[in-house]
Amino acid sequence: MDGEERLDEHAGNVIAIPPGSAKIRGLVFDIEIKDEQPVYHIRIQEVMEYGMATPVLPVGSEIQLYVTPELKEEEQKKLSIGQETVLHIHHTIGRGEVQYWSLVKFINAH
């Protein structure tokens, strides 16, 4: 099992990625600071894997990724404008039906 997979101990099955999440390859085309946290603007180049109940991410679409508090600052510094990268992201619906994507895990850069 790689780092993205985990074992469902009750059923003995491998669960590839959690519901509401996706593993993507994207291009960082902008980074802005909101409330002292970076927000990464990503152009989707490939969706490598979807979790159950995850919204569709068309190739070529653009999303904003907010950083989860758990993501270490040194991990955030690995992302820069013009960089192609593979990321684990999660979709959330907040108050007032506001929808956003958060960066869960930086997987690698090209």
C-alpha atoms as a PDB file:
ATOM      1  CA  MET A   1       0.000   0.000   0.000  1.00  0.00           C
ATOM      2  CA  ASP A   2       1.265   3.492  -0.758  1.00  0.00           C
ATOM      3  CA  GLY A   3       0.726   6.487   1.513  1.00  0.00           C
ATOM      4  CA  GLU A   4      -2.705   7.250   0.051  1.00  0.00           C
ATOM      5  CA  GLU A   5      -4.235   3.865   0.778  1.00  0.00           C
ATOM      6  CA  ARG A   6      -5.418   2.530   4.104  1.00  0.00           C
ATOM      7  CA  LEU A   7      -6.884  -0.752   5.207  1.00  0.00           C
ATOM      8  CA  ASP A   8     -10.527  -1.041   6.243  1.00  0.00           C
ATOM      9  CA  GLU A   9      -9.917  -3.235   9.278  1.00  0.00           C
ATOM     10  CA  HIS A  10     -13.501  -4.469   9.476  1.00  0.00           C
ATOM     11  CA  ALA A  11     -13.913  -5.596   5.880  1.00  0.00           C
ATOM     12  CA  GLY A  12     -10.274  -6.243   4.998  1.00  0.00           C
ATOM     13  CA  ASN A  13     -10.575  -4.022   1.904  1.00  0.00           C
ATOM     14  CA  VAL A  14      -8.192  -1.342   0.702  1.00  0.00           C
ATOM     15  CA  ILE A  15      -9.817   2.094   0.602  1.00  0.00           C
ATOM     16  CA  ALA A  16      -8.012   4.172  -1.995  1.00  0.00           C
ATOM     17  CA  ILE A  17      -9.071   7.723  -1.101  1.00  0.00           C
ATOM     18  CA  PRO A  18     -11.630   9.183   1.339  1.00  0.00           C
ATOM     19  CA  PRO A  19     -15.065  10.463   0.255  1.00  0.00           C
ATOM     20  CA  GLY A  20     -15.064  14.092  -0.895  1.00  0.00           C
ATOM     21  CA  SER A  21     -11.388  13.877  -1.872  1.00  0.00           C
ATOM     22  CA  ALA A  22      -9.372  13.633  -5.060  1.00  0.00           C
ATOM     23  CA  LYS A  23      -5.806  13.000  -6.109  1.00  0.00           C
ATOM     24  CA  ILE A  24      -4.924  15.454  -8.864  1.00  0.00           C
ATOM     25  CA  ARG A  25      -2.069  16.604 -11.030  1.00  0.00           C
ATOM     26  CA  GLY A  26      -2.237  20.354 -11.467  1.00  0.00           C
ATOM     27  CA  LEU A  27      -0.311  23.475 -12.324  1.00  0.00           C
ATOM     28  CA  VAL A  28       0.119  26.227  -9.734  1.00  0.00           C
ATOM     29  CA  PHE A  29      -0.589  29.468 -11.626  1.00  0.00           C
ATOM     30  CA  ASP A  30      -0.990  31.904  -8.730  1.00  0.00           C
ATOM     31  CA  ILE A  31      -0.561  32.112  -4.965  1.00  0.00           C
ATOM     32  CA  GLU A  32      -2.306  34.725  -2.848  1.00  0.00           C
ATOM     33  CA  ILE A  33      -2.418  35.372   0.869  1.00  0.00           C
ATOM     34  CA  LYS A  34      -5.821  35.501   2.610  1.00  0.00           C
ATOM     35  CA  ASP A  35      -6.028  35.914   6.370  1.00  0.00           C
ATOM     36  CA  GLU A  36      -2.278  35.271   6.592  1.00  0.00           C
ATOM     37  CA  GLN A  37      -2.607  31.863   4.876  1.00  0.00           C
ATOM     38  CA  PRO A  38      -1.618  30.974   1.309  1.00  0.00           C
ATOM     39  CA  VAL A  39      -4.342  30.151  -1.205  1.00  0.00           C
ATOM     40  CA  TYR A  40      -3.067  28.214  -4.230  1.00  0.00           C
ATOM     41  CA  HIS A  41      -4.682  28.697  -7.635  1.00  0.00           C
ATOM     42  CA  ILE A  42      -4.444  25.387  -9.483  1.00  0.00           C
ATOM     43  CA  ARG A  43      -5.294  24.447 -13.078  1.00  0.00           C
ATOM     44  CA  ILE A  44      -6.394  20.805 -13.227  1.00  0.00           C
ATOM     45  CA  GLN A  45      -4.282  18.754 -15.648  1.00  0.00           C
ATOM     46  CA  GLU A  46      -5.418  15.285 -14.605  1.00  0.00           C
ATOM     47  CA  VAL A  47      -7.634  13.697 -11.974  1.00  0.00           C
ATOM     48  CA  MET A  48      -5.813  10.561 -10.933  1.00  0.00           C
ATOM     49  CA  GLU A  49      -8.400   9.344  -8.449  1.00  0.00           C
ATOM     50  CA  TYR A  50     -11.765  10.379  -6.984  1.00  0.00           C
ATOM     51  CA  GLY A  51     -13.213   9.453  -3.611  1.00  0.00           C
ATOM     52  CA  MET A  52     -16.929   8.725  -3.359  1.00  0.00           C
ATOM     53  CA  ALA A  53     -19.239  11.770  -3.528  1.00  0.00           C
ATOM     54  CA  THR A  54     -16.475  14.067  -4.841  1.00  0.00           C
ATOM     55  CA  PRO A  55     -17.519  16.781  -7.320  1.00  0.00           C
ATOM     56  CA  VAL A  56     -16.186  16.406 -10.858  1.00  0.00           C
ATOM     57  CA  LEU A  57     -13.010  18.348 -11.664  1.00  0.00           C
ATOM     58  CA  PRO A  58     -12.835  18.827 -15.447  1.00  0.00           C
ATOM     59  CA  VAL A  59      -9.371  18.938 -17.005  1.00  0.00           C
ATOM     60  CA  GLY A  60      -8.470  22.579 -17.629  1.00  0.00           C
ATOM     61  CA  SER A  61     -10.699  23.901 -14.847  1.00  0.00           C
ATOM     62  CA  GLU A  62      -9.255  26.172 -12.187  1.00  0.00           C
ATOM     63  CA  ILE A  63      -9.716  25.864  -8.441  1.00  0.00           C
ATOM     64  CA  GLN A  64      -8.502  27.645  -5.341  1.00  0.00           C
ATOM     65  CA  LEU A  65      -6.913  25.471  -2.663  1.00  0.00           C
ATOM     66  CA  TYR A  66      -6.955  26.559   0.943  1.00  0.00           C
ATOM     67  CA  VAL A  67      -4.354  25.154   3.300  1.00  0.00           C
ATOM     68  CA  THR A  68      -5.441  22.863   6.132  1.00  0.00           C
ATOM     69  CA  PRO A  69      -3.944  23.742   9.519  1.00  0.00           C
ATOM     70  CA  GLU A  70      -2.262  20.330   9.638  1.00  0.00           C
ATOM     71  CA  LEU A  71      -0.118  21.041   6.571  1.00  0.00           C
ATOM     72  CA  LYS A  72       3.312  22.033   7.793  1.00  0.00           C
ATOM     73  CA  GLU A  73       4.816  25.307   6.669  1.00  0.00           C
ATOM     74  CA  GLU A  74       7.819  23.549   5.096  1.00  0.00           C
ATOM     75  CA  GLU A  75       5.386  21.515   2.953  1.00  0.00           C
ATOM     76  CA  GLN A  76       3.637  24.695   1.811  1.00  0.00           C
ATOM     77  CA  LYS A  77       6.958  26.117   0.628  1.00  0.00           C
ATOM     78  CA  LYS A  78       7.305  23.243  -1.840  1.00  0.00           C
ATOM     79  CA  LEU A  79       4.571  24.780  -4.004  1.00  0.00           C
ATOM     80  CA  SER A  80       5.519  27.642  -6.318  1.00  0.00           C
ATOM     81  CA  ILE A  81       4.028  29.423  -9.332  1.00  0.00           C
ATOM     82  CA  GLY A  82       4.581  27.569 -12.606  1.00  0.00           C
ATOM     83  CA  GLN A  83       5.064  24.244 -10.838  1.00  0.00           C
ATOM     84  CA  GLU A  84       3.267  21.065 -11.838  1.00  0.00           C
ATOM     85  CA  THR A  85       2.432  18.944  -8.814  1.00  0.00           C
ATOM     86  CA  VAL A  86       0.403  15.999  -7.540  1.00  0.00           C
ATOM     87  CA  LEU A  87      -1.879  16.792  -4.596  1.00  0.00           C
ATOM     88  CA  HIS A  88      -4.481  15.175  -2.380  1.00  0.00           C
ATOM     89  CA  ILE A  89      -7.344  17.668  -2.032  1.00  0.00           C
ATOM     90  CA  HIS A  90     -10.668  17.654  -0.185  1.00  0.00           C
ATOM     91  CA  HIS A  91     -13.995  19.310  -1.026  1.00  0.00           C
ATOM     92  CA  THR A  92     -16.026  21.033   1.684  1.00  0.00           C
ATOM     93  CA  ILE A  93     -19.371  22.808   1.736  1.00  0.00           C
ATOM     94  CA  GLY A  94     -19.363  25.540   4.358  1.00  0.00           C
ATOM     95  CA  ARG A  95     -21.933  27.937   5.714  1.00  0.00           C
ATOM     96  CA  GLY A  96     -24.314  29.406   3.187  1.00  0.00           C
ATOM     97  CA  GLU A  97     -23.504  26.622   0.699  1.00  0.00           C
ATOM     98  CA  VAL A  98     -20.027  28.095   0.088  1.00  0.00           C
ATOM     99  CA  GLN A  99     -17.921  25.374  -1.508  1.00  0.00           C
ATOM    100  CA  TYR A 100     -14.157  25.182  -1.394  1.00  0.00           C
ATOM    101  CA  TRP A 101     -11.217  22.827  -1.868  1.00  0.00           C
ATOM    102  CA  SER A 102      -8.523  22.359   0.747  1.00  0.00           C
ATOM    103  CA  LEU A 103      -5.019  21.037   0.307  1.00  0.00           C
ATOM    104  CA  VAL A 104      -4.657  17.907   2.437  1.00  0.00           C
ATOM    105  CA  LYS A 105      -1.335  16.523   1.312  1.00  0.00           C
ATOM    106  CA  PHE A 106       1.462  17.530  -1.015  1.00  0.00           C
ATOM    107  CA  ILE A 107       2.467  14.342  -2.873  1.00  0.00           C
ATOM    108  CA  ASN A 108       5.228  15.490  -5.247  1.00  0.00           C
ATOM    109  CA  ALA A 109       6.372  18.097  -7.758  1.00  0.00           C
ATOM    110  CA  HIS A 110       7.573  17.813 -11.343  1.00  0.00           C
END
